[in-house]
Amino acid sequence: MTPTTYGQLIQFLREELDVPDDSIAIAKRHCEQDPGPFPMVLWQYGLVTLEQLDQIYDWLETA
C-alpha cells in the first residue's frame, strides 16, 4: 500500500466507517511492532466489524 493510499484509507475509516482515532492508533502501533495487513489488524482486535472489513477491502480494490 502506497503512503497516499494509506492516508486515503485512514480518511475513509474516519469519515465513512466512523472508526475512532483511538482504534486507528491501536492498529497502527500493532502494525509497527508486528507488520501485517492493516485492515486485518483492525478486525482481529475487534476495532471493525466483519461487514466493515468487507467495505474496507472493497474500497481498497477501487483505490
PDB file of N, CA and C in Angstrom:
ATOM      1  N   MET A   1       0.857  -1.166   0.000  1.00  0.00           N
ATOM      2  CA  MET A   1       0.000   0.000   0.000  1.00  0.00           C
ATOM      3  C   MET A   1       0.904   1.230   0.000  1.00  0.00           C
ATOM      4  N   THR A   2       0.650   2.140  -0.925  1.00  0.00           N
ATOM      5  CA  THR A   2       1.457   3.351  -1.013  1.00  0.00           C
ATOM      6  C   THR A   2       1.086   4.307   0.122  1.00  0.00           C
ATOM      7  N   PRO A   3       1.994   5.233   0.454  1.00  0.00           N
ATOM      8  CA  PRO A   3       1.660   6.206   1.506  1.00  0.00           C
ATOM      9  C   PRO A   3       0.390   7.008   1.192  1.00  0.00           C
ATOM     10  N   THR A   4       0.175   7.334  -0.084  1.00  0.00           N
ATOM     11  CA  THR A   4      -1.025   8.076  -0.465  1.00  0.00           C
ATOM     12  C   THR A   4      -2.275   7.244  -0.217  1.00  0.00           C
ATOM     13  N   THR A   5      -2.234   5.987  -0.650  1.00  0.00           N
ATOM     14  CA  THR A   5      -3.381   5.103  -0.443  1.00  0.00           C
ATOM     15  C   THR A   5      -3.629   4.895   1.042  1.00  0.00           C
ATOM     16  N   TYR A   6      -2.553   4.748   1.810  1.00  0.00           N
ATOM     17  CA  TYR A   6      -2.682   4.564   3.255  1.00  0.00           C
ATOM     18  C   TYR A   6      -3.382   5.770   3.883  1.00  0.00           C
ATOM     19  N   GLY A   7      -2.970   6.966   3.497  1.00  0.00           N
ATOM     20  CA  GLY A   7      -3.604   8.180   4.019  1.00  0.00           C
ATOM     21  C   GLY A   7      -5.073   8.260   3.647  1.00  0.00           C
ATOM     22  N   GLN A   8      -5.379   7.865   2.416  1.00  0.00           N
ATOM     23  CA  GLN A   8      -6.770   7.863   1.968  1.00  0.00           C
ATOM     24  C   GLN A   8      -7.580   6.803   2.715  1.00  0.00           C
ATOM     25  N   LEU A   9      -6.956   5.661   3.014  1.00  0.00           N
ATOM     26  CA  LEU A   9      -7.627   4.613   3.788  1.00  0.00           C
ATOM     27  C   LEU A   9      -7.975   5.134   5.180  1.00  0.00           C
ATOM     28  N   ILE A  10      -7.035   5.802   5.814  1.00  0.00           N
ATOM     29  CA  ILE A  10      -7.291   6.357   7.152  1.00  0.00           C
ATOM     30  C   ILE A  10      -8.455   7.340   7.095  1.00  0.00           C
ATOM     31  N   GLN A  11      -8.477   8.170   6.072  1.00  0.00           N
ATOM     32  CA  GLN A  11      -9.569   9.121   5.899  1.00  0.00           C
ATOM     33  C   GLN A  11     -10.895   8.382   5.704  1.00  0.00           C
ATOM     34  N   PHE A  12     -10.893   7.336   4.888  1.00  0.00           N
ATOM     35  CA  PHE A  12     -12.091   6.518   4.666  1.00  0.00           C
ATOM     36  C   PHE A  12     -12.573   5.908   5.980  1.00  0.00           C
ATOM     37  N   LEU A  13     -11.651   5.373   6.760  1.00  0.00           N
ATOM     38  CA  LEU A  13     -12.016   4.767   8.040  1.00  0.00           C
ATOM     39  C   LEU A  13     -12.691   5.783   8.945  1.00  0.00           C
ATOM     40  N   ARG A  14     -12.133   6.990   8.999  1.00  0.00           N
ATOM     41  CA  ARG A  14     -12.674   8.036   9.878  1.00  0.00           C
ATOM     42  C   ARG A  14     -14.020   8.555   9.379  1.00  0.00           C
ATOM     43  N   GLU A  15     -14.077   8.888   8.094  1.00  0.00           N
ATOM     44  CA  GLU A  15     -15.245   9.592   7.569  1.00  0.00           C
ATOM     45  C   GLU A  15     -16.399   8.670   7.176  1.00  0.00           C
ATOM     46  N   GLU A  16     -16.098   7.548   6.552  1.00  0.00           N
ATOM     47  CA  GLU A  16     -17.163   6.681   6.054  1.00  0.00           C
ATOM     48  C   GLU A  16     -17.584   5.607   7.060  1.00  0.00           C
ATOM     49  N   LEU A  17     -16.624   5.061   7.796  1.00  0.00           N
ATOM     50  CA  LEU A  17     -16.941   3.973   8.724  1.00  0.00           C
ATOM     51  C   LEU A  17     -16.986   4.427  10.181  1.00  0.00           C
ATOM     52  N   ASP A  18     -16.663   5.694  10.428  1.00  0.00           N
ATOM     53  CA  ASP A  18     -16.685   6.261  11.783  1.00  0.00           C
ATOM     54  C   ASP A  18     -15.832   5.464  12.772  1.00  0.00           C
ATOM     55  N   VAL A  19     -14.674   5.000  12.309  1.00  0.00           N
ATOM     56  CA  VAL A  19     -13.740   4.303  13.194  1.00  0.00           C
ATOM     57  C   VAL A  19     -13.040   5.374  14.030  1.00  0.00           C
ATOM     58  N   PRO A  20     -13.081   5.260  15.344  1.00  0.00           N
ATOM     59  CA  PRO A  20     -12.458   6.271  16.207  1.00  0.00           C
ATOM     60  C   PRO A  20     -10.941   6.348  16.008  1.00  0.00           C
ATOM     61  N   ASP A  21     -10.400   7.553  16.216  1.00  0.00           N
ATOM     62  CA  ASP A  21      -8.960   7.758  16.092  1.00  0.00           C
ATOM     63  C   ASP A  21      -8.176   6.846  17.029  1.00  0.00           C
ATOM     64  N   ASP A  22      -8.713   6.594  18.215  1.00  0.00           N
ATOM     65  CA  ASP A  22      -8.032   5.710  19.167  1.00  0.00           C
ATOM     66  C   ASP A  22      -7.886   4.300  18.602  1.00  0.00           C
ATOM     67  N   SER A  23      -8.904   3.825  17.930  1.00  0.00           N
ATOM     68  CA  SER A  23      -8.866   2.487  17.336  1.00  0.00           C
ATOM     69  C   SER A  23      -7.828   2.424  16.215  1.00  0.00           C
ATOM     70  N   ILE A  24      -7.789   3.461  15.405  1.00  0.00           N
ATOM     71  CA  ILE A  24      -6.806   3.524  14.326  1.00  0.00           C
ATOM     72  C   ILE A  24      -5.397   3.546  14.907  1.00  0.00           C
ATOM     73  N   ALA A  25      -5.205   4.302  15.980  1.00  0.00           N
ATOM     74  CA  ALA A  25      -3.890   4.395  16.614  1.00  0.00           C
ATOM     75  C   ALA A  25      -3.453   3.036  17.171  1.00  0.00           C
ATOM     76  N   ILE A  26      -4.369   2.295  17.759  1.00  0.00           N
ATOM     77  CA  ILE A  26      -4.041   0.966  18.288  1.00  0.00           C
ATOM     78  C   ILE A  26      -3.563   0.064  17.161  1.00  0.00           C
ATOM     79  N   ALA A  27      -4.287   0.067  16.054  1.00  0.00           N
ATOM     80  CA  ALA A  27      -3.914  -0.774  14.913  1.00  0.00           C
ATOM     81  C   ALA A  27      -2.563  -0.346  14.331  1.00  0.00           C
ATOM     82  N   LYS A  28      -2.319   0.958  14.250  1.00  0.00           N
ATOM     83  CA  LYS A  28      -1.034   1.461  13.740  1.00  0.00           C
ATOM     84  C   LYS A  28       0.111   0.963  14.610  1.00  0.00           C
ATOM     85  N   ARG A  29      -0.059   1.078  15.926  1.00  0.00           N
ATOM     86  CA  ARG A  29       1.007   0.629  16.842  1.00  0.00           C
ATOM     87  C   ARG A  29       1.276  -0.855  16.675  1.00  0.00           C
ATOM     88  N   HIS A  30       0.229  -1.639  16.547  1.00  0.00           N
ATOM     89  CA  HIS A  30       0.415  -3.078  16.384  1.00  0.00           C
ATOM     90  C   HIS A  30       1.166  -3.377  15.087  1.00  0.00           C
ATOM     91  N   CYS A  31       0.812  -2.686  14.015  1.00  0.00           N
ATOM     92  CA  CYS A  31       1.466  -2.922  12.715  1.00  0.00           C
ATOM     93  C   CYS A  31       2.938  -2.516  12.748  1.00  0.00           C
ATOM     94  N   GLU A  32       3.268  -1.530  13.554  1.00  0.00           N
ATOM     95  CA  GLU A  32       4.677  -1.135  13.678  1.00  0.00           C
ATOM     96  C   GLU A  32       5.480  -2.222  14.378  1.00  0.00           C
ATOM     97  N   GLN A  33       4.893  -2.884  15.346  1.00  0.00           N
ATOM     98  CA  GLN A  33       5.578  -3.924  16.116  1.00  0.00           C
ATOM     99  C   GLN A  33       5.567  -5.260  15.400  1.00  0.00           C
ATOM    100  N   ASP A  34       4.469  -5.569  14.722  1.00  0.00           N
ATOM    101  CA  ASP A  34       4.307  -6.859  14.055  1.00  0.00           C
ATOM    102  C   ASP A  34       3.594  -6.618  12.725  1.00  0.00           C
ATOM    103  N   PRO A  35       4.357  -6.303  11.674  1.00  0.00           N
ATOM    104  CA  PRO A  35       3.737  -5.932  10.404  1.00  0.00           C
ATOM    105  C   PRO A  35       2.747  -6.978   9.895  1.00  0.00           C
ATOM    106  N   GLY A  36       1.657  -6.476   9.401  1.00  0.00           N
ATOM    107  CA  GLY A  36       0.610  -7.318   8.835  1.00  0.00           C
ATOM    108  C   GLY A  36      -0.368  -6.426   8.101  1.00  0.00           C
ATOM    109  N   PRO A  37      -1.342  -7.010   7.439  1.00  0.00           N
ATOM    110  CA  PRO A  37      -2.330  -6.195   6.718  1.00  0.00           C
ATOM    111  C   PRO A  37      -3.143  -5.344   7.697  1.00  0.00           C
ATOM    112  N   PHE A  38      -3.072  -4.050   7.510  1.00  0.00           N
ATOM    113  CA  PHE A  38      -3.723  -3.104   8.419  1.00  0.00           C
ATOM    114  C   PHE A  38      -5.216  -3.404   8.612  1.00  0.00           C
ATOM    115  N   PRO A  39      -5.972  -3.650   7.539  1.00  0.00           N
ATOM    116  CA  PRO A  39      -7.401  -3.948   7.744  1.00  0.00           C
ATOM    117  C   PRO A  39      -7.628  -5.191   8.610  1.00  0.00           C
ATOM    118  N   MET A  40      -6.793  -6.205   8.445  1.00  0.00           N
ATOM    119  CA  MET A  40      -6.948  -7.425   9.245  1.00  0.00           C
ATOM    120  C   MET A  40      -6.645  -7.156  10.719  1.00  0.00           C
ATOM    121  N   VAL A  41      -5.673  -6.308  10.973  1.00  0.00           N
ATOM    122  CA  VAL A  41      -5.349  -5.955  12.366  1.00  0.00           C
ATOM    123  C   VAL A  41      -6.553  -5.262  13.002  1.00  0.00           C
ATOM    124  N   LEU A  42      -7.174  -4.349  12.269  1.00  0.00           N
ATOM    125  CA  LEU A  42      -8.366  -3.678  12.794  1.00  0.00           C
ATOM    126  C   LEU A  42      -9.433  -4.697  13.179  1.00  0.00           C
ATOM    127  N   TRP A  43      -9.635  -5.678  12.319  1.00  0.00           N
ATOM    128  CA  TRP A  43     -10.664  -6.691  12.570  1.00  0.00           C
ATOM    129  C   TRP A  43     -10.267  -7.638  13.703  1.00  0.00           C
ATOM    130  N   GLN A  44      -9.014  -8.083  13.707  1.00  0.00           N
ATOM    131  CA  GLN A  44      -8.559  -9.034  14.729  1.00  0.00           C
ATOM    132  C   GLN A  44      -8.687  -8.458  16.135  1.00  0.00           C
ATOM    133  N   TYR A  45      -8.504  -7.154  16.263  1.00  0.00           N
ATOM    134  CA  TYR A  45      -8.612  -6.518  17.574  1.00  0.00           C
ATOM    135  C   TYR A  45     -10.033  -6.056  17.879  1.00  0.00           C
ATOM    136  N   GLY A  46     -10.970  -6.382  17.002  1.00  0.00           N
ATOM    137  CA  GLY A  46     -12.361  -6.017  17.248  1.00  0.00           C
ATOM    138  C   GLY A  46     -12.642  -4.546  17.055  1.00  0.00           C
ATOM    139  N   LEU A  47     -11.799  -3.870  16.263  1.00  0.00           N
ATOM    140  CA  LEU A  47     -11.954  -2.436  16.064  1.00  0.00           C
ATOM    141  C   LEU A  47     -12.882  -2.119  14.901  1.00  0.00           C
ATOM    142  N   VAL A  48     -13.103  -3.106  14.039  1.00  0.00           N
ATOM    143  CA  VAL A  48     -14.109  -3.004  12.971  1.00  0.00           C
ATOM    144  C   VAL A  48     -14.859  -4.329  12.913  1.00  0.00           C
ATOM    145  N   THR A  49     -16.062  -4.277  12.384  1.00  0.00           N
ATOM    146  CA  THR A  49     -16.862  -5.493  12.229  1.00  0.00           C
ATOM    147  C   THR A  49     -16.453  -6.212  10.943  1.00  0.00           C
ATOM    148  N   LEU A  50     -16.945  -7.409  10.776  1.00  0.00           N
ATOM    149  CA  LEU A  50     -16.679  -8.162   9.549  1.00  0.00           C
ATOM    150  C   LEU A  50     -17.268  -7.430   8.342  1.00  0.00           C
ATOM    151  N   GLU A  51     -18.434  -6.840   8.521  1.00  0.00           N
ATOM    152  CA  GLU A  51     -19.054  -6.061   7.439  1.00  0.00           C
ATOM    153  C   GLU A  51     -18.181  -4.860   7.062  1.00  0.00           C
ATOM    154  N   GLN A  52     -17.655  -4.176   8.073  1.00  0.00           N
ATOM    155  CA  GLN A  52     -16.768  -3.045   7.804  1.00  0.00           C
ATOM    156  C   GLN A  52     -15.484  -3.509   7.124  1.00  0.00           C
ATOM    157  N   LEU A  53     -14.983  -4.671   7.526  1.00  0.00           N
ATOM    158  CA  LEU A  53     -13.781  -5.221   6.896  1.00  0.00           C
ATOM    159  C   LEU A  53     -14.041  -5.447   5.405  1.00  0.00           C
ATOM    160  N   ASP A  54     -15.201  -5.976   5.071  1.00  0.00           N
ATOM    161  CA  ASP A  54     -15.566  -6.161   3.661  1.00  0.00           C
ATOM    162  C   ASP A  54     -15.594  -4.816   2.933  1.00  0.00           C
ATOM    163  N   GLN A  55     -16.149  -3.809   3.587  1.00  0.00           N
ATOM    164  CA  GLN A  55     -16.210  -2.478   2.979  1.00  0.00           C
ATOM    165  C   GLN A  55     -14.806  -1.923   2.749  1.00  0.00           C
ATOM    166  N   ILE A  56     -13.912  -2.166   3.702  1.00  0.00           N
ATOM    167  CA  ILE A  56     -12.527  -1.691   3.570  1.00  0.00           C
ATOM    168  C   ILE A  56     -11.869  -2.351   2.366  1.00  0.00           C
ATOM    169  N   TYR A  57     -12.004  -3.669   2.238  1.00  0.00           N
ATOM    170  CA  TYR A  57     -11.377  -4.359   1.104  1.00  0.00           C
ATOM    171  C   TYR A  57     -12.034  -3.956  -0.211  1.00  0.00           C
ATOM    172  N   ASP A  58     -13.334  -3.729  -0.216  1.00  0.00           N
ATOM    173  CA  ASP A  58     -13.990  -3.222  -1.429  1.00  0.00           C
ATOM    174  C   ASP A  58     -13.411  -1.858  -1.808  1.00  0.00           C
ATOM    175  N   TRP A  59     -13.224  -1.004  -0.817  1.00  0.00           N
ATOM    176  CA  TRP A  59     -12.664   0.319  -1.066  1.00  0.00           C
ATOM    177  C   TRP A  59     -11.234   0.193  -1.602  1.00  0.00           C
ATOM    178  N   LEU A  60     -10.440  -0.677  -1.011  1.00  0.00           N
ATOM    179  CA  LEU A  60      -9.059  -0.855  -1.450  1.00  0.00           C
ATOM    180  C   LEU A  60      -8.977  -1.337  -2.904  1.00  0.00           C
ATOM    181  N   GLU A  61      -9.933  -2.146  -3.321  1.00  0.00           N
ATOM    182  CA  GLU A  61      -9.943  -2.635  -4.708  1.00  0.00           C
ATOM    183  C   GLU A  61     -10.148  -1.493  -5.699  1.00  0.00           C
ATOM    184  N   THR A  62     -10.880  -0.475  -5.295  1.00  0.00           N
ATOM    185  CA  THR A  62     -11.162   0.641  -6.207  1.00  0.00           C
ATOM    186  C   THR A  62     -10.200   1.800  -6.037  1.00  0.00           C
ATOM    187  N   ALA A  63      -9.409   1.780  -4.988  1.00  0.00           N
ATOM    188  CA  ALA A  63      -8.483   2.901  -4.714  1.00  0.00           C
ATOM    189  C   ALA A  63      -7.272   2.855  -5.624  1.00  0.00           C
TER     190      ALA A  63
END
